[in-house]
Amino acid sequence: MSAKSNTSKVVRDGVSLAYHEAGAGNRSPILFVHGFGCSGNHLRLQQQHFAASTRTVAVDLRGHGASDAPLQEYDPIGFADDLRWLCDCLGLERPIVVGHSMGGNIALKLAVRAPEYVKAIVMIDTFLDGDASFVQGLRELSDNLEAIGGSSQLFETLSAMLFLPSDDPDVRKDVLEQCARTPWHVLKSAFAAHLLRGSSVADLQQLTIPAAYIGADGLPTEIWRVEGINPRVSTGKTVGVGHFSPLLVPDQVNAMLGTFVDRVEHIRGFRLRRNCRPPLGAGIHAPR
């Protein structure tokens, strides 16, 4: 039976920040951070799985989900600062931070700016680096955001990149409907800030705590790019699905997360063999 998640809010400088908490235990807590335009609900299948053995918190980032969306800039540094404040507020001591998409950039930013707050991070299909043509396409899209007109239209434009034709259409529909509810001013600010003005490559090079990267099909941050930036990062990849792998293949994602968490926690004397591929969807590659 999955642990029930309780939704609460805390107020930081007049801004209400929502979070969803479930589980308890003596292992390191896990902090789940959703992606661009999404909410903590998009990582619910991971939270339900790990809440059986430890304390878990899934946030609604400022401007997303049930959190307030003031008129301001939305960038990875600001989001990471909210997470650090939330850890203090909730007594989350050195959590393992799991971020999907933009949430991985935010987890990385927090780990570099305040490594004493984080035990380890996992980035799930996070955009870190891509070829020049892809980045140019993002720049052109950013320059034309006003012409796109709104949140729903933006995610319809992005959907071919985010989903494979074979992905579950019900998941696709639910995700696009949720993202369309994210305020337009939040999306416009966050899009350029995390995709075009971010410093994730430099951040990953500086990273000193344990980290893992779980890729998917579709977006251009291939595993080899991550390993080239920081060969100490453990890597893995889901099979047969696009960007929203936590919802599409939760068993694959949860298995790889569990492998990494066990390794970080030193449970059962777990060891990854170098240069050894795990069973399909069952684990991640140890750093080479």
C-alpha atoms as a PDB file:
ATOM      1  CA  MET A   1       0.000   0.000   0.000  1.00  0.00           C
ATOM      2  CA  SER A   2       1.422   3.399  -0.957  1.00  0.00           C
ATOM      3  CA  ALA A   3       1.918   6.093   1.685  1.00  0.00           C
ATOM      4  CA  LYS A   4      -0.593   8.926   1.598  1.00  0.00           C
ATOM      5  CA  SER A   5       0.742  12.320   0.565  1.00  0.00           C
ATOM      6  CA  ASN A   6      -0.275  15.377   2.578  1.00  0.00           C
ATOM      7  CA  THR A   7      -0.257  18.770   0.873  1.00  0.00           C
ATOM      8  CA  SER A   8       0.767  21.824   2.894  1.00  0.00           C
ATOM      9  CA  LYS A   9       1.971  25.360   2.309  1.00  0.00           C
ATOM     10  CA  VAL A  10       4.581  27.596   3.876  1.00  0.00           C
ATOM     11  CA  VAL A  11       5.018  31.305   3.273  1.00  0.00           C
ATOM     12  CA  ARG A  12       8.333  32.864   2.329  1.00  0.00           C
ATOM     13  CA  ASP A  13       8.410  36.665   2.138  1.00  0.00           C
ATOM     14  CA  GLY A  14       4.718  36.755   1.370  1.00  0.00           C
ATOM     15  CA  VAL A  15       4.858  33.997  -1.281  1.00  0.00           C
ATOM     16  CA  SER A  16       3.018  30.750  -0.557  1.00  0.00           C
ATOM     17  CA  LEU A  17       4.997  27.629  -1.506  1.00  0.00           C
ATOM     18  CA  ALA A  18       3.185  24.288  -1.691  1.00  0.00           C
ATOM     19  CA  TYR A  19       4.701  20.892  -0.983  1.00  0.00           C
ATOM     20  CA  HIS A  20       3.494  17.303  -0.710  1.00  0.00           C
ATOM     21  CA  GLU A  21       4.915  15.135   2.069  1.00  0.00           C
ATOM     22  CA  ALA A  22       4.709  11.385   2.633  1.00  0.00           C
ATOM     23  CA  GLY A  23       6.561   8.632   4.453  1.00  0.00           C
ATOM     24  CA  ALA A  24       9.026   8.318   7.294  1.00  0.00           C
ATOM     25  CA  GLY A  25      12.133   6.333   8.089  1.00  0.00           C
ATOM     26  CA  ASN A  26      15.755   6.536   9.148  1.00  0.00           C
ATOM     27  CA  ARG A  27      17.223   6.740   5.639  1.00  0.00           C
ATOM     28  CA  SER A  28      18.092  10.047   3.996  1.00  0.00           C
ATOM     29  CA  PRO A  29      14.982  12.011   3.030  1.00  0.00           C
ATOM     30  CA  ILE A  30      14.261  12.476  -0.668  1.00  0.00           C
ATOM     31  CA  LEU A  31      13.273  15.831  -2.139  1.00  0.00           C
ATOM     32  CA  PHE A  32      11.508  15.628  -5.524  1.00  0.00           C
ATOM     33  CA  VAL A  33      11.684  18.635  -7.865  1.00  0.00           C
ATOM     34  CA  HIS A  34       9.484  18.768 -10.958  1.00  0.00           C
ATOM     35  CA  GLY A  35      10.247  20.297 -14.327  1.00  0.00           C
ATOM     36  CA  PHE A  36       9.308  23.327 -16.415  1.00  0.00           C
ATOM     37  CA  GLY A  37       5.592  24.095 -16.266  1.00  0.00           C
ATOM     38  CA  CYS A  38       4.836  20.990 -14.205  1.00  0.00           C
ATOM     39  CA  SER A  39       4.067  20.292 -10.534  1.00  0.00           C
ATOM     40  CA  GLY A  40       5.033  17.905  -7.764  1.00  0.00           C
ATOM     41  CA  ASN A  41       2.231  15.640  -8.963  1.00  0.00           C
ATOM     42  CA  HIS A  42       4.360  14.658 -11.970  1.00  0.00           C
ATOM     43  CA  LEU A  43       6.743  12.800  -9.631  1.00  0.00           C
ATOM     44  CA  ARG A  44       3.986  11.196  -7.556  1.00  0.00           C
ATOM     45  CA  LEU A  45       4.839   7.645  -8.690  1.00  0.00           C
ATOM     46  CA  GLN A  46       8.382   8.057  -7.444  1.00  0.00           C
ATOM     47  CA  GLN A  47       7.250   9.678  -4.207  1.00  0.00           C
ATOM     48  CA  GLN A  48       4.735   6.890  -3.534  1.00  0.00           C
ATOM     49  CA  HIS A  49       7.412   4.266  -4.132  1.00  0.00           C
ATOM     50  CA  PHE A  50      10.079   5.732  -1.842  1.00  0.00           C
ATOM     51  CA  ALA A  51       7.687   6.943   0.875  1.00  0.00           C
ATOM     52  CA  ALA A  52       7.394   3.304   1.927  1.00  0.00           C
ATOM     53  CA  SER A  53      10.881   3.518   3.440  1.00  0.00           C
ATOM     54  CA  THR A  54      11.782   7.158   4.024  1.00  0.00           C
ATOM     55  CA  ARG A  55      10.517  10.706   4.379  1.00  0.00           C
ATOM     56  CA  THR A  56       9.753  12.296   1.011  1.00  0.00           C
ATOM     57  CA  VAL A  57       8.795  15.808  -0.028  1.00  0.00           C
ATOM     58  CA  ALA A  58       7.673  16.823  -3.518  1.00  0.00           C
ATOM     59  CA  VAL A  59       7.603  20.568  -4.108  1.00  0.00           C
ATOM     60  CA  ASP A  60       5.478  22.786  -6.286  1.00  0.00           C
ATOM     61  CA  LEU A  61       8.082  25.301  -7.368  1.00  0.00           C
ATOM     62  CA  ARG A  62       7.309  28.994  -7.093  1.00  0.00           C
ATOM     63  CA  GLY A  63       4.977  29.862  -9.981  1.00  0.00           C
ATOM     64  CA  HIS A  64       3.901  26.244 -10.482  1.00  0.00           C
ATOM     65  CA  GLY A  65       1.159  23.955  -9.218  1.00  0.00           C
ATOM     66  CA  ALA A  66      -0.477  25.215  -6.027  1.00  0.00           C
ATOM     67  CA  SER A  67       2.304  27.707  -5.210  1.00  0.00           C
ATOM     68  CA  ASP A  68       1.933  31.453  -5.699  1.00  0.00           C
ATOM     69  CA  ALA A  69       3.118  32.998  -8.966  1.00  0.00           C
ATOM     70  CA  PRO A  70       4.185  36.599  -8.306  1.00  0.00           C
ATOM     71  CA  LEU A  71       5.350  38.833 -11.141  1.00  0.00           C
ATOM     72  CA  GLN A  72       9.128  38.385 -10.987  1.00  0.00           C
ATOM     73  CA  GLU A  73      12.046  36.622 -12.658  1.00  0.00           C
ATOM     74  CA  TYR A  74      12.060  32.820 -12.510  1.00  0.00           C
ATOM     75  CA  ASP A  75      15.519  31.310 -12.761  1.00  0.00           C
ATOM     76  CA  PRO A  76      17.446  28.301 -11.395  1.00  0.00           C
ATOM     77  CA  ILE A  77      19.215  30.344  -8.710  1.00  0.00           C
ATOM     78  CA  GLY A  78      15.926  31.650  -7.330  1.00  0.00           C
ATOM     79  CA  PHE A  79      14.332  28.205  -7.402  1.00  0.00           C
ATOM     80  CA  ALA A  80      17.394  26.679  -5.696  1.00  0.00           C
ATOM     81  CA  ASP A  81      17.284  29.350  -3.007  1.00  0.00           C
ATOM     82  CA  ASP A  82      13.643  28.444  -2.335  1.00  0.00           C
ATOM     83  CA  LEU A  83      14.660  24.786  -1.943  1.00  0.00           C
ATOM     84  CA  ARG A  84      17.407  25.670   0.522  1.00  0.00           C
ATOM     85  CA  TRP A  85      14.948  27.765   2.537  1.00  0.00           C
ATOM     86  CA  LEU A  86      12.384  24.950   2.408  1.00  0.00           C
ATOM     87  CA  CYS A  87      14.938  22.420   3.701  1.00  0.00           C
ATOM     88  CA  ASP A  88      15.556  24.670   6.696  1.00  0.00           C
ATOM     89  CA  CYS A  89      11.843  25.307   7.216  1.00  0.00           C
ATOM     90  CA  LEU A  90      10.869  21.617   7.084  1.00  0.00           C
ATOM     91  CA  GLY A  91      13.953  20.217   8.809  1.00  0.00           C
ATOM     92  CA  LEU A  92      15.038  18.250   5.727  1.00  0.00           C
ATOM     93  CA  GLU A  93      18.628  17.362   6.598  1.00  0.00           C
ATOM     94  CA  ARG A  94      20.833  16.672   3.565  1.00  0.00           C
ATOM     95  CA  PRO A  95      18.172  15.116   1.334  1.00  0.00           C
ATOM     96  CA  ILE A  96      18.837  13.235  -1.869  1.00  0.00           C
ATOM     97  CA  VAL A  97      17.395  15.668  -4.423  1.00  0.00           C
ATOM     98  CA  VAL A  98      15.714  14.108  -7.469  1.00  0.00           C
ATOM     99  CA  GLY A  99      14.897  16.535 -10.256  1.00  0.00           C
ATOM    100  CA  HIS A 100      13.076  15.890 -13.529  1.00  0.00           C
ATOM    101  CA  SER A 101      13.907  18.113 -16.505  1.00  0.00           C
ATOM    102  CA  MET A 102      14.371  21.700 -15.222  1.00  0.00           C
ATOM    103  CA  GLY A 103      14.161  20.241 -11.719  1.00  0.00           C
ATOM    104  CA  GLY A 104      17.500  18.570 -12.386  1.00  0.00           C
ATOM    105  CA  ASN A 105      19.067  21.920 -13.284  1.00  0.00           C
ATOM    106  CA  ILE A 106      17.707  23.320 -10.023  1.00  0.00           C
ATOM    107  CA  ALA A 107      18.984  20.352  -7.999  1.00  0.00           C
ATOM    108  CA  LEU A 108      22.390  20.825  -9.616  1.00  0.00           C
ATOM    109  CA  LYS A 109      22.384  24.546  -8.848  1.00  0.00           C
ATOM    110  CA  LEU A 110      21.516  23.848  -5.202  1.00  0.00           C
ATOM    111  CA  ALA A 111      24.260  21.216  -4.932  1.00  0.00           C
ATOM    112  CA  VAL A 112      26.902  23.596  -6.284  1.00  0.00           C
ATOM    113  CA  ARG A 113      25.797  26.664  -4.328  1.00  0.00           C
ATOM    114  CA  ALA A 114      25.088  24.871  -1.035  1.00  0.00           C
ATOM    115  CA  PRO A 115      26.648  21.380  -1.059  1.00  0.00           C
ATOM    116  CA  GLU A 116      26.262  21.118   2.711  1.00  0.00           C
ATOM    117  CA  TYR A 117      22.481  20.965   2.170  1.00  0.00           C
ATOM    118  CA  VAL A 118      22.483  18.019  -0.244  1.00  0.00           C
ATOM    119  CA  LYS A 119      23.634  14.418   0.104  1.00  0.00           C
ATOM    120  CA  ALA A 120      23.318  13.530  -3.599  1.00  0.00           C
ATOM    121  CA  ILE A 121      21.359  14.518  -6.692  1.00  0.00           C
ATOM    122  CA  VAL A 122      19.638  12.706  -9.537  1.00  0.00           C
ATOM    123  CA  MET A 123      18.841  14.457 -12.820  1.00  0.00           C
ATOM    124  CA  ILE A 124      16.115  12.806 -14.911  1.00  0.00           C
ATOM    125  CA  ASP A 125      16.322  13.768 -18.593  1.00  0.00           C
ATOM    126  CA  THR A 126      17.648  17.208 -17.703  1.00  0.00           C
ATOM    127  CA  PHE A 127      18.889  19.423 -20.526  1.00  0.00           C
ATOM    128  CA  LEU A 128      22.556  20.097 -19.822  1.00  0.00           C
ATOM    129  CA  ASP A 129      24.136  20.427 -23.238  1.00  0.00           C
ATOM    130  CA  GLY A 130      23.175  19.882 -26.874  1.00  0.00           C
ATOM    131  CA  ASP A 131      24.438  20.431 -30.376  1.00  0.00           C
ATOM    132  CA  ALA A 132      24.548  23.945 -31.846  1.00  0.00           C
ATOM    133  CA  SER A 133      21.521  23.469 -34.079  1.00  0.00           C
ATOM    134  CA  PHE A 134      19.311  22.428 -31.155  1.00  0.00           C
ATOM    135  CA  VAL A 135      20.423  25.384 -29.026  1.00  0.00           C
ATOM    136  CA  GLN A 136      19.803  27.720 -31.974  1.00  0.00           C
ATOM    137  CA  GLY A 137      16.300  26.317 -32.280  1.00  0.00           C
ATOM    138  CA  LEU A 138      15.693  27.072 -28.605  1.00  0.00           C
ATOM    139  CA  ARG A 139      16.924  30.634 -29.103  1.00  0.00           C
ATOM    140  CA  GLU A 140      14.576  31.155 -32.028  1.00  0.00           C
ATOM    141  CA  LEU A 141      11.678  29.772 -30.022  1.00  0.00           C
ATOM    142  CA  SER A 142      12.537  32.024 -27.086  1.00  0.00           C
ATOM    143  CA  ASP A 143      12.688  35.058 -29.379  1.00  0.00           C
ATOM    144  CA  ASN A 144       9.210  34.244 -30.684  1.00  0.00           C
ATOM    145  CA  LEU A 145       7.454  33.422 -27.423  1.00  0.00           C
ATOM    146  CA  GLU A 146       5.194  36.474 -27.650  1.00  0.00           C
ATOM    147  CA  ALA A 147       3.959  35.309 -31.044  1.00  0.00           C
ATOM    148  CA  ILE A 148       3.139  31.874 -29.624  1.00  0.00           C
ATOM    149  CA  GLY A 149       0.641  33.544 -27.371  1.00  0.00           C
ATOM    150  CA  GLY A 150       0.239  31.470 -24.225  1.00  0.00           C
ATOM    151  CA  SER A 151       0.994  28.469 -22.039  1.00  0.00           C
ATOM    152  CA  SER A 152      -1.161  25.962 -23.917  1.00  0.00           C
ATOM    153  CA  GLN A 153       0.252  26.968 -27.300  1.00  0.00           C
ATOM    154  CA  LEU A 154       3.835  26.750 -26.016  1.00  0.00           C
ATOM    155  CA  PHE A 155       3.450  23.180 -24.800  1.00  0.00           C
ATOM    156  CA  GLU A 156       1.694  22.118 -27.964  1.00  0.00           C
ATOM    157  CA  THR A 157       4.731  23.490 -29.821  1.00  0.00           C
ATOM    158  CA  LEU A 158       7.099  21.594 -27.502  1.00  0.00           C
ATOM    159  CA  SER A 159       5.093  18.361 -27.446  1.00  0.00           C
ATOM    160  CA  ALA A 160       6.822  16.771 -30.451  1.00  0.00           C
ATOM    161  CA  MET A 161      10.109  17.154 -28.596  1.00  0.00           C
ATOM    162  CA  LEU A 162       8.776  15.967 -25.247  1.00  0.00           C
ATOM    163  CA  PHE A 163       6.810  12.911 -26.373  1.00  0.00           C
ATOM    164  CA  LEU A 164       7.455  10.008 -28.702  1.00  0.00           C
ATOM    165  CA  PRO A 165       4.621   8.942 -31.041  1.00  0.00           C
ATOM    166  CA  SER A 166       4.428   5.686 -29.059  1.00  0.00           C
ATOM    167  CA  ASP A 167       4.059   7.378 -25.643  1.00  0.00           C
ATOM    168  CA  ASP A 168       0.797   6.828 -23.768  1.00  0.00           C
ATOM    169  CA  PRO A 169      -1.707   9.390 -25.155  1.00  0.00           C
ATOM    170  CA  ASP A 170      -3.478   9.704 -21.796  1.00  0.00           C
ATOM    171  CA  VAL A 171      -0.222  10.697 -20.091  1.00  0.00           C
ATOM    172  CA  ARG A 172       0.470  13.166 -22.888  1.00  0.00           C
ATOM    173  CA  LYS A 173      -2.996  14.716 -22.522  1.00  0.00           C
ATOM    174  CA  ASP A 174      -2.755  15.004 -18.727  1.00  0.00           C
ATOM    175  CA  VAL A 175       0.729  16.542 -18.822  1.00  0.00           C
ATOM    176  CA  LEU A 176      -0.172  19.117 -21.464  1.00  0.00           C
ATOM    177  CA  GLU A 177      -3.334  20.101 -19.603  1.00  0.00           C
ATOM    178  CA  GLN A 178      -1.390  20.585 -16.361  1.00  0.00           C
ATOM    179  CA  CYS A 179       1.366  22.582 -18.044  1.00  0.00           C
ATOM    180  CA  ALA A 180      -1.185  24.773 -19.824  1.00  0.00           C
ATOM    181  CA  ARG A 181      -2.379  25.956 -16.387  1.00  0.00           C
ATOM    182  CA  THR A 182       1.052  27.352 -15.495  1.00  0.00           C
ATOM    183  CA  PRO A 183       0.951  31.172 -15.745  1.00  0.00           C
ATOM    184  CA  TRP A 184       2.365  32.554 -18.983  1.00  0.00           C
ATOM    185  CA  HIS A 185       4.652  35.080 -17.265  1.00  0.00           C
ATOM    186  CA  VAL A 186       6.282  32.229 -15.315  1.00  0.00           C
ATOM    187  CA  LEU A 187       6.933  30.154 -18.434  1.00  0.00           C
ATOM    188  CA  LYS A 188       8.348  33.064 -20.432  1.00  0.00           C
ATOM    189  CA  SER A 189      10.836  33.900 -17.710  1.00  0.00           C
ATOM    190  CA  ALA A 190      11.831  30.341 -16.805  1.00  0.00           C
ATOM    191  CA  PHE A 191      12.206  29.154 -20.411  1.00  0.00           C
ATOM    192  CA  ALA A 192      15.092  31.451 -21.306  1.00  0.00           C
ATOM    193  CA  ALA A 193      16.614  31.426 -17.820  1.00  0.00           C
ATOM    194  CA  HIS A 194      17.121  27.687 -17.538  1.00  0.00           C
ATOM    195  CA  LEU A 195      17.600  26.696 -21.184  1.00  0.00           C
ATOM    196  CA  LEU A 196      19.577  29.614 -22.609  1.00  0.00           C
ATOM    197  CA  ARG A 197      21.121  31.556 -19.730  1.00  0.00           C
ATOM    198  CA  GLY A 198      21.841  28.649 -17.403  1.00  0.00           C
ATOM    199  CA  SER A 199      25.281  27.426 -16.370  1.00  0.00           C
ATOM    200  CA  SER A 200      24.580  23.719 -15.996  1.00  0.00           C
ATOM    201  CA  VAL A 201      27.714  22.556 -17.833  1.00  0.00           C
ATOM    202  CA  ALA A 202      29.951  24.624 -15.530  1.00  0.00           C
ATOM    203  CA  ASP A 203      27.895  23.552 -12.522  1.00  0.00           C
ATOM    204  CA  LEU A 204      28.266  19.870 -13.417  1.00  0.00           C
ATOM    205  CA  GLN A 205      32.020  20.286 -13.827  1.00  0.00           C
ATOM    206  CA  GLN A 206      32.218  21.759 -10.310  1.00  0.00           C
ATOM    207  CA  LEU A 207      29.966  19.175  -8.659  1.00  0.00           C
ATOM    208  CA  THR A 208      31.571  17.389  -5.712  1.00  0.00           C
ATOM    209  CA  ILE A 209      28.727  15.278  -4.273  1.00  0.00           C
ATOM    210  CA  PRO A 210      27.425  11.957  -5.684  1.00  0.00           C
ATOM    211  CA  ALA A 211      25.223  12.392  -8.754  1.00  0.00           C
ATOM    212  CA  ALA A 212      23.325  10.319 -11.283  1.00  0.00           C
ATOM    213  CA  TYR A 213      21.759  11.098 -14.641  1.00  0.00           C
ATOM    214  CA  ILE A 214      18.841   9.115 -16.118  1.00  0.00           C
ATOM    215  CA  GLY A 215      18.289   9.901 -19.785  1.00  0.00           C
ATOM    216  CA  ALA A 216      15.390   9.162 -22.134  1.00  0.00           C
ATOM    217  CA  ASP A 217      14.737   9.223 -25.867  1.00  0.00           C
ATOM    218  CA  GLY A 218      14.068  12.510 -27.636  1.00  0.00           C
ATOM    219  CA  LEU A 219      15.995  15.368 -26.023  1.00  0.00           C
ATOM    220  CA  PRO A 220      19.637  15.899 -27.043  1.00  0.00           C
ATOM    221  CA  THR A 221      21.501  15.455 -23.747  1.00  0.00           C
ATOM    222  CA  GLU A 222      22.856  12.030 -24.578  1.00  0.00           C
ATOM    223  CA  ILE A 223      24.597   9.996 -21.902  1.00  0.00           C
ATOM    224  CA  TRP A 224      27.980  10.511 -23.519  1.00  0.00           C
ATOM    225  CA  ARG A 225      27.616  14.274 -23.149  1.00  0.00           C
ATOM    226  CA  VAL A 226      27.055  13.936 -19.401  1.00  0.00           C
ATOM    227  CA  GLU A 227      29.973  11.533 -19.004  1.00  0.00           C
ATOM    228  CA  GLY A 228      32.173  13.923 -20.981  1.00  0.00           C
ATOM    229  CA  ILE A 229      31.321  16.854 -18.727  1.00  0.00           C
ATOM    230  CA  ASN A 230      31.820  14.955 -15.469  1.00  0.00           C
ATOM    231  CA  PRO A 231      32.905  11.307 -15.665  1.00  0.00           C
ATOM    232  CA  ARG A 232      32.107  10.798 -11.966  1.00  0.00           C
ATOM    233  CA  VAL A 233      28.353  10.974 -12.636  1.00  0.00           C
ATOM    234  CA  SER A 234      26.578   7.605 -12.689  1.00  0.00           C
ATOM    235  CA  THR A 235      24.405   7.264 -15.789  1.00  0.00           C
ATOM    236  CA  GLY A 236      21.496   5.229 -17.083  1.00  0.00           C
ATOM    237  CA  LYS A 237      18.681   5.477 -19.592  1.00  0.00           C
ATOM    238  CA  THR A 238      15.057   4.438 -19.801  1.00  0.00           C
ATOM    239  CA  VAL A 239      13.961   2.350 -22.758  1.00  0.00           C
ATOM    240  CA  GLY A 240      11.272   3.147 -25.293  1.00  0.00           C
ATOM    241  CA  VAL A 241       9.784   6.376 -23.918  1.00  0.00           C
ATOM    242  CA  GLY A 242      10.250  10.110 -24.170  1.00  0.00           C
ATOM    243  CA  HIS A 243      10.850  12.917 -21.728  1.00  0.00           C
ATOM    244  CA  PHE A 244       8.157  12.132 -19.148  1.00  0.00           C
ATOM    245  CA  SER A 245       9.660   8.799 -18.169  1.00  0.00           C
ATOM    246  CA  PRO A 246       8.694   9.133 -14.453  1.00  0.00           C
ATOM    247  CA  LEU A 247       5.038   8.860 -15.518  1.00  0.00           C
ATOM    248  CA  LEU A 248       5.462   6.587 -18.532  1.00  0.00           C
ATOM    249  CA  VAL A 249       7.796   3.911 -17.113  1.00  0.00           C
ATOM    250  CA  PRO A 250       7.869   4.414 -13.335  1.00  0.00           C
ATOM    251  CA  ASP A 251       9.188   0.891 -12.720  1.00  0.00           C
ATOM    252  CA  GLN A 252      12.302   1.593 -14.806  1.00  0.00           C
ATOM    253  CA  VAL A 253      12.873   4.977 -13.181  1.00  0.00           C
ATOM    254  CA  ASN A 254      12.233   3.729  -9.650  1.00  0.00           C
ATOM    255  CA  ALA A 255      14.610   0.784 -10.133  1.00  0.00           C
ATOM    256  CA  MET A 256      17.437   3.075 -11.235  1.00  0.00           C
ATOM    257  CA  LEU A 257      16.706   5.557  -8.464  1.00  0.00           C
ATOM    258  CA  GLY A 258      16.695   2.733  -5.947  1.00  0.00           C
ATOM    259  CA  THR A 259      20.036   1.446  -7.206  1.00  0.00           C
ATOM    260  CA  PHE A 260      21.597   4.881  -6.820  1.00  0.00           C
ATOM    261  CA  VAL A 261      20.003   5.611  -3.437  1.00  0.00           C
ATOM    262  CA  ASP A 262      21.234   2.290  -2.080  1.00  0.00           C
ATOM    263  CA  ARG A 263      24.707   3.073  -3.321  1.00  0.00           C
ATOM    264  CA  VAL A 264      24.675   6.497  -1.684  1.00  0.00           C
ATOM    265  CA  GLU A 265      23.348   5.064   1.569  1.00  0.00           C
ATOM    266  CA  HIS A 266      25.855   2.168   1.546  1.00  0.00           C
ATOM    267  CA  ILE A 267      23.022  -0.300   2.130  1.00  0.00           C
ATOM    268  CA  ARG A 268      23.600  -4.043   1.757  1.00  0.00           C
ATOM    269  CA  GLY A 269      27.226  -3.417   0.790  1.00  0.00           C
ATOM    270  CA  PHE A 270      25.999  -2.454  -2.650  1.00  0.00           C
ATOM    271  CA  ARG A 271      28.658  -2.177  -5.324  1.00  0.00           C
ATOM    272  CA  LEU A 272      28.448  -1.297  -8.981  1.00  0.00           C
ATOM    273  CA  ARG A 273      30.887  -3.071 -11.264  1.00  0.00           C
ATOM    274  CA  ARG A 274      32.799  -0.761 -13.531  1.00  0.00           C
ATOM    275  CA  ASN A 275      31.954  -0.916 -17.230  1.00  0.00           C
ATOM    276  CA  CYS A 276      29.058  -3.301 -16.585  1.00  0.00           C
ATOM    277  CA  ARG A 277      25.629  -2.624 -18.113  1.00  0.00           C
ATOM    278  CA  PRO A 278      22.743  -3.371 -15.726  1.00  0.00           C
ATOM    279  CA  PRO A 279      19.730  -5.451 -16.725  1.00  0.00           C
ATOM    280  CA  LEU A 280      17.260  -3.511 -18.853  1.00  0.00           C
ATOM    281  CA  GLY A 281      15.759  -0.710 -16.799  1.00  0.00           C
ATOM    282  CA  ALA A 282      17.168  -2.135 -13.588  1.00  0.00           C
ATOM    283  CA  GLY A 283      20.138   0.049 -12.730  1.00  0.00           C
ATOM    284  CA  ILE A 284      22.599   2.717 -13.641  1.00  0.00           C
ATOM    285  CA  HIS A 285      26.180   2.680 -14.814  1.00  0.00           C
ATOM    286  CA  ALA A 286      28.872   3.365 -12.278  1.00  0.00           C
ATOM    287  CA  PRO A 287      31.246   6.211 -13.146  1.00  0.00           C
ATOM    288  CA  ARG A 288      34.088   5.078 -15.323  1.00  0.00           C
END
